[in-house]
N, C-alpha and C. Protein backbone atom coordinates (compact mmCIF):
# COMPACT_ATOMS: atom_id res chain seq x y z
N MET A 1 1.71 -5.02 -2.41
CA MET A 1 0.71 -4.28 -3.14
C MET A 1 0.46 -2.97 -2.40
N ASN A 2 0.33 -1.90 -3.14
CA ASN A 2 0.06 -0.60 -2.56
C ASN A 2 -1.35 -0.14 -2.92
N LYS A 3 -1.80 0.91 -2.23
CA LYS A 3 -3.13 1.45 -2.52
C LYS A 3 -3.23 1.80 -3.99
N GLY A 4 -4.40 1.54 -4.57
CA GLY A 4 -4.62 1.84 -5.98
C GLY A 4 -4.38 0.64 -6.88
N ASN A 5 -3.81 -0.44 -6.33
CA ASN A 5 -3.55 -1.63 -7.15
C ASN A 5 -4.70 -2.63 -7.12
N SER A 6 -5.69 -2.42 -6.26
CA SER A 6 -6.82 -3.35 -6.19
C SER A 6 -7.51 -3.42 -7.55
N GLY A 7 -7.86 -4.64 -7.93
CA GLY A 7 -8.50 -4.86 -9.23
C GLY A 7 -7.50 -5.16 -10.32
N GLY A 8 -6.23 -5.00 -10.03
CA GLY A 8 -5.19 -5.28 -11.03
C GLY A 8 -4.85 -6.76 -11.07
N PRO A 9 -4.19 -7.18 -12.14
CA PRO A 9 -3.87 -8.60 -12.28
C PRO A 9 -2.70 -9.03 -11.39
N ILE A 10 -2.76 -10.26 -10.92
CA ILE A 10 -1.62 -10.91 -10.26
C ILE A 10 -1.06 -11.85 -11.33
N ILE A 11 0.18 -11.62 -11.70
CA ILE A 11 0.77 -12.34 -12.83
C ILE A 11 1.90 -13.25 -12.36
N LYS A 12 1.85 -14.49 -12.80
CA LYS A 12 2.96 -15.42 -12.59
C LYS A 12 3.88 -15.26 -13.79
N ILE A 13 5.09 -14.81 -13.53
CA ILE A 13 6.05 -14.53 -14.59
C ILE A 13 6.67 -15.84 -15.08
N GLY A 14 6.61 -16.06 -16.39
CA GLY A 14 7.21 -17.24 -16.99
C GLY A 14 8.65 -16.98 -17.40
N ASN A 15 9.25 -17.94 -18.09
CA ASN A 15 10.62 -17.78 -18.57
C ASN A 15 10.73 -16.73 -19.67
N ASN A 16 9.63 -16.50 -20.39
CA ASN A 16 9.57 -15.45 -21.40
C ASN A 16 8.14 -14.90 -21.38
N PRO A 17 7.92 -13.73 -21.99
CA PRO A 17 6.60 -13.10 -21.90
C PRO A 17 5.43 -13.97 -22.36
N SER A 18 5.66 -14.85 -23.32
CA SER A 18 4.55 -15.70 -23.80
C SER A 18 4.12 -16.72 -22.74
N GLU A 19 4.96 -16.96 -21.74
CA GLU A 19 4.62 -17.90 -20.67
C GLU A 19 4.01 -17.21 -19.45
N ASP A 20 3.97 -15.87 -19.44
CA ASP A 20 3.34 -15.14 -18.33
C ASP A 20 1.87 -15.52 -18.25
N LYS A 21 1.34 -15.59 -17.03
CA LYS A 21 -0.04 -16.04 -16.86
C LYS A 21 -0.71 -15.26 -15.74
N VAL A 22 -1.92 -14.76 -16.00
CA VAL A 22 -2.71 -14.11 -14.95
C VAL A 22 -3.27 -15.21 -14.06
N ILE A 23 -2.97 -15.13 -12.76
CA ILE A 23 -3.44 -16.17 -11.83
C ILE A 23 -4.44 -15.64 -10.81
N GLY A 24 -4.67 -14.32 -10.80
CA GLY A 24 -5.61 -13.76 -9.84
C GLY A 24 -5.83 -12.28 -10.05
N ILE A 25 -6.70 -11.73 -9.22
CA ILE A 25 -6.99 -10.30 -9.23
C ILE A 25 -6.76 -9.77 -7.81
N ALA A 26 -5.96 -8.72 -7.70
CA ALA A 26 -5.65 -8.12 -6.39
C ALA A 26 -6.92 -7.57 -5.76
N THR A 27 -7.12 -7.86 -4.47
CA THR A 27 -8.38 -7.46 -3.84
C THR A 27 -8.25 -6.68 -2.54
N PHE A 28 -7.23 -6.94 -1.73
CA PHE A 28 -7.21 -6.26 -0.44
C PHE A 28 -5.79 -6.07 0.09
N ILE A 29 -5.68 -5.13 1.02
CA ILE A 29 -4.42 -4.86 1.71
C ILE A 29 -4.73 -4.76 3.20
N LEU A 30 -3.95 -5.42 4.01
CA LEU A 30 -4.04 -5.25 5.46
C LEU A 30 -2.73 -4.63 5.92
N ASN A 31 -2.79 -3.41 6.40
CA ASN A 31 -1.60 -2.72 6.89
C ASN A 31 -1.81 -2.44 8.38
N PRO A 32 -1.14 -3.19 9.25
CA PRO A 32 -1.37 -3.03 10.69
C PRO A 32 -0.95 -1.68 11.24
N PHE A 33 -0.18 -0.90 10.48
CA PHE A 33 0.31 0.39 10.96
C PHE A 33 -0.46 1.57 10.38
N ALA A 34 -1.38 1.33 9.45
CA ALA A 34 -2.04 2.42 8.72
C ALA A 34 -2.80 3.38 9.63
N ASN A 35 -3.62 2.86 10.54
CA ASN A 35 -4.43 3.75 11.38
C ASN A 35 -3.58 4.63 12.29
N ASP A 36 -2.61 4.03 12.96
CA ASP A 36 -1.73 4.81 13.84
C ASP A 36 -0.93 5.84 13.04
N SER A 37 -0.49 5.47 11.85
CA SER A 37 0.27 6.40 11.02
C SER A 37 -0.58 7.58 10.58
N LYS A 38 -1.85 7.32 10.26
CA LYS A 38 -2.76 8.42 9.87
C LYS A 38 -2.96 9.38 11.04
N VAL A 39 -3.11 8.84 12.25
CA VAL A 39 -3.27 9.68 13.44
C VAL A 39 -2.03 10.55 13.64
N LEU A 40 -0.84 9.95 13.52
CA LEU A 40 0.40 10.71 13.67
C LEU A 40 0.54 11.79 12.59
N SER A 41 0.14 11.47 11.38
CA SER A 41 0.21 12.44 10.29
C SER A 41 -0.70 13.63 10.56
N GLU A 42 -1.94 13.33 11.00
CA GLU A 42 -2.89 14.41 11.30
C GLU A 42 -2.40 15.25 12.48
N LEU A 43 -1.85 14.61 13.50
CA LEU A 43 -1.31 15.32 14.66
C LEU A 43 -0.16 16.23 14.23
N SER A 44 0.73 15.72 13.40
CA SER A 44 1.87 16.52 12.92
C SER A 44 1.39 17.75 12.17
N SER A 45 0.30 17.61 11.42
CA SER A 45 -0.23 18.75 10.65
C SER A 45 -0.77 19.85 11.55
N ARG A 46 -1.22 19.49 12.76
CA ARG A 46 -1.84 20.47 13.67
C ARG A 46 -0.86 21.10 14.65
N LEU A 47 0.37 20.61 14.72
CA LEU A 47 1.33 21.14 15.68
C LEU A 47 1.64 22.60 15.39
N LYS A 48 1.72 23.40 16.44
CA LYS A 48 2.02 24.83 16.31
C LYS A 48 3.51 25.12 16.46
N VAL A 49 4.27 24.14 16.98
CA VAL A 49 5.69 24.32 17.25
C VAL A 49 6.47 23.30 16.42
N ASP A 50 7.61 23.73 15.92
CA ASP A 50 8.45 22.84 15.12
C ASP A 50 9.90 22.99 15.57
N ILE A 51 10.66 21.94 15.42
CA ILE A 51 12.09 21.97 15.69
C ILE A 51 12.78 21.68 14.36
N ALA A 52 13.76 22.48 14.03
CA ALA A 52 14.53 22.26 12.80
C ALA A 52 15.94 21.81 13.18
N LEU A 53 16.37 20.72 12.62
CA LEU A 53 17.73 20.22 12.82
C LEU A 53 18.45 20.36 11.49
N GLY A 54 19.46 21.21 11.47
CA GLY A 54 20.17 21.45 10.22
C GLY A 54 19.29 22.08 9.17
N GLY A 55 18.29 22.83 9.62
CA GLY A 55 17.37 23.48 8.69
C GLY A 55 16.26 22.58 8.19
N ILE A 56 16.17 21.36 8.73
CA ILE A 56 15.14 20.40 8.29
C ILE A 56 14.04 20.34 9.33
N SER A 57 12.82 20.63 8.91
CA SER A 57 11.65 20.62 9.79
C SER A 57 11.36 19.20 10.24
N GLN A 58 11.37 18.97 11.55
CA GLN A 58 11.08 17.65 12.08
C GLN A 58 9.59 17.30 11.96
N VAL A 59 8.73 18.31 12.01
CA VAL A 59 7.30 18.07 11.80
C VAL A 59 7.07 17.54 10.39
N LYS A 60 7.71 18.17 9.41
CA LYS A 60 7.55 17.72 8.01
C LYS A 60 8.12 16.32 7.80
N VAL A 61 9.27 16.05 8.43
CA VAL A 61 9.87 14.72 8.33
C VAL A 61 8.95 13.67 8.94
N ASN A 62 8.43 13.95 10.15
CA ASN A 62 7.52 13.00 10.81
C ASN A 62 6.27 12.77 9.97
N LYS A 63 5.71 13.83 9.40
CA LYS A 63 4.51 13.70 8.57
C LYS A 63 4.82 12.88 7.32
N LEU A 64 5.96 13.13 6.70
CA LEU A 64 6.36 12.38 5.51
C LEU A 64 6.46 10.89 5.82
N PHE A 65 7.13 10.53 6.92
CA PHE A 65 7.27 9.13 7.29
C PHE A 65 5.92 8.50 7.63
N ALA A 66 5.09 9.21 8.38
CA ALA A 66 3.77 8.68 8.76
C ALA A 66 2.92 8.44 7.52
N ASP A 67 2.93 9.39 6.57
CA ASP A 67 2.16 9.22 5.34
C ASP A 67 2.68 8.04 4.51
N ALA A 68 4.00 7.89 4.44
CA ALA A 68 4.58 6.78 3.68
C ALA A 68 4.18 5.43 4.27
N ILE A 69 4.20 5.33 5.59
CA ILE A 69 3.82 4.08 6.25
C ILE A 69 2.34 3.79 6.05
N ALA A 70 1.50 4.82 6.15
CA ALA A 70 0.05 4.63 6.03
C ALA A 70 -0.35 4.24 4.61
N ASN A 71 0.39 4.69 3.61
CA ASN A 71 -0.04 4.51 2.23
C ASN A 71 0.69 3.41 1.47
N ASN A 72 1.54 2.67 2.13
CA ASN A 72 2.24 1.57 1.47
C ASN A 72 1.99 0.28 2.21
N SER A 73 2.00 -0.80 1.49
CA SER A 73 1.72 -2.10 2.06
C SER A 73 2.91 -2.60 2.86
N ILE A 74 2.69 -2.78 4.15
CA ILE A 74 3.72 -3.34 5.03
C ILE A 74 3.17 -4.65 5.60
N GLY A 75 1.95 -4.92 5.29
CA GLY A 75 1.29 -6.07 5.88
C GLY A 75 1.00 -7.16 4.88
N ILE A 76 -0.23 -7.53 4.79
CA ILE A 76 -0.66 -8.67 4.00
C ILE A 76 -1.52 -8.18 2.84
N SER A 77 -1.27 -8.72 1.67
CA SER A 77 -2.10 -8.43 0.50
C SER A 77 -2.72 -9.74 0.05
N GLY A 78 -3.83 -9.64 -0.65
CA GLY A 78 -4.48 -10.86 -1.10
C GLY A 78 -5.10 -10.70 -2.46
N CYS A 79 -5.50 -11.84 -3.01
CA CYS A 79 -6.14 -11.82 -4.32
C CYS A 79 -7.18 -12.92 -4.41
N ILE A 80 -8.00 -12.81 -5.44
CA ILE A 80 -8.97 -13.86 -5.76
C ILE A 80 -8.40 -14.64 -6.93
N SER A 81 -8.42 -15.95 -6.84
CA SER A 81 -7.91 -16.81 -7.90
C SER A 81 -8.68 -16.57 -9.20
N ILE A 82 -7.96 -16.52 -10.30
CA ILE A 82 -8.60 -16.34 -11.60
C ILE A 82 -9.50 -17.54 -11.92
N ASN A 83 -9.15 -18.73 -11.45
CA ASN A 83 -9.99 -19.91 -11.68
C ASN A 83 -11.34 -19.76 -10.98
N HIS A 84 -11.33 -19.18 -9.78
CA HIS A 84 -12.58 -18.94 -9.06
C HIS A 84 -13.46 -17.94 -9.82
N ILE A 85 -12.85 -16.90 -10.33
CA ILE A 85 -13.60 -15.89 -11.09
C ILE A 85 -14.17 -16.51 -12.36
N LYS A 86 -13.38 -17.32 -13.06
CA LYS A 86 -13.87 -17.97 -14.28
C LYS A 86 -15.06 -18.88 -13.98
N SER A 87 -15.01 -19.60 -12.85
CA SER A 87 -16.12 -20.51 -12.52
C SER A 87 -17.40 -19.74 -12.21
N ILE A 88 -17.28 -18.56 -11.63
CA ILE A 88 -18.45 -17.73 -11.34
C ILE A 88 -19.06 -17.18 -12.63
N LEU A 89 -18.22 -16.84 -13.58
CA LEU A 89 -18.68 -16.21 -14.82
C LEU A 89 -19.24 -17.20 -15.84
N LYS A 90 -19.13 -18.49 -15.59
CA LYS A 90 -19.66 -19.49 -16.54
C LYS A 90 -21.15 -19.52 -16.54
């Protein structure tokens, strides 16, 4: 699960679309690398010196990788069971 998917359905895919079933709602993401990646991204943005290899900015490459790691799920995602939600709403 990536950022922005919270609140979306968790679907168990059946053999055909009529058998698909919502089993939960996406609620959280734990990314153990997010904080360090954000720090590296911010640091890369402030650097005054850059090295280009083959015309490719290494600062831009490092920032791109750091942002990708910080904004994508590499860790654990979770959801709330739809049965639990139904029992609360009764």
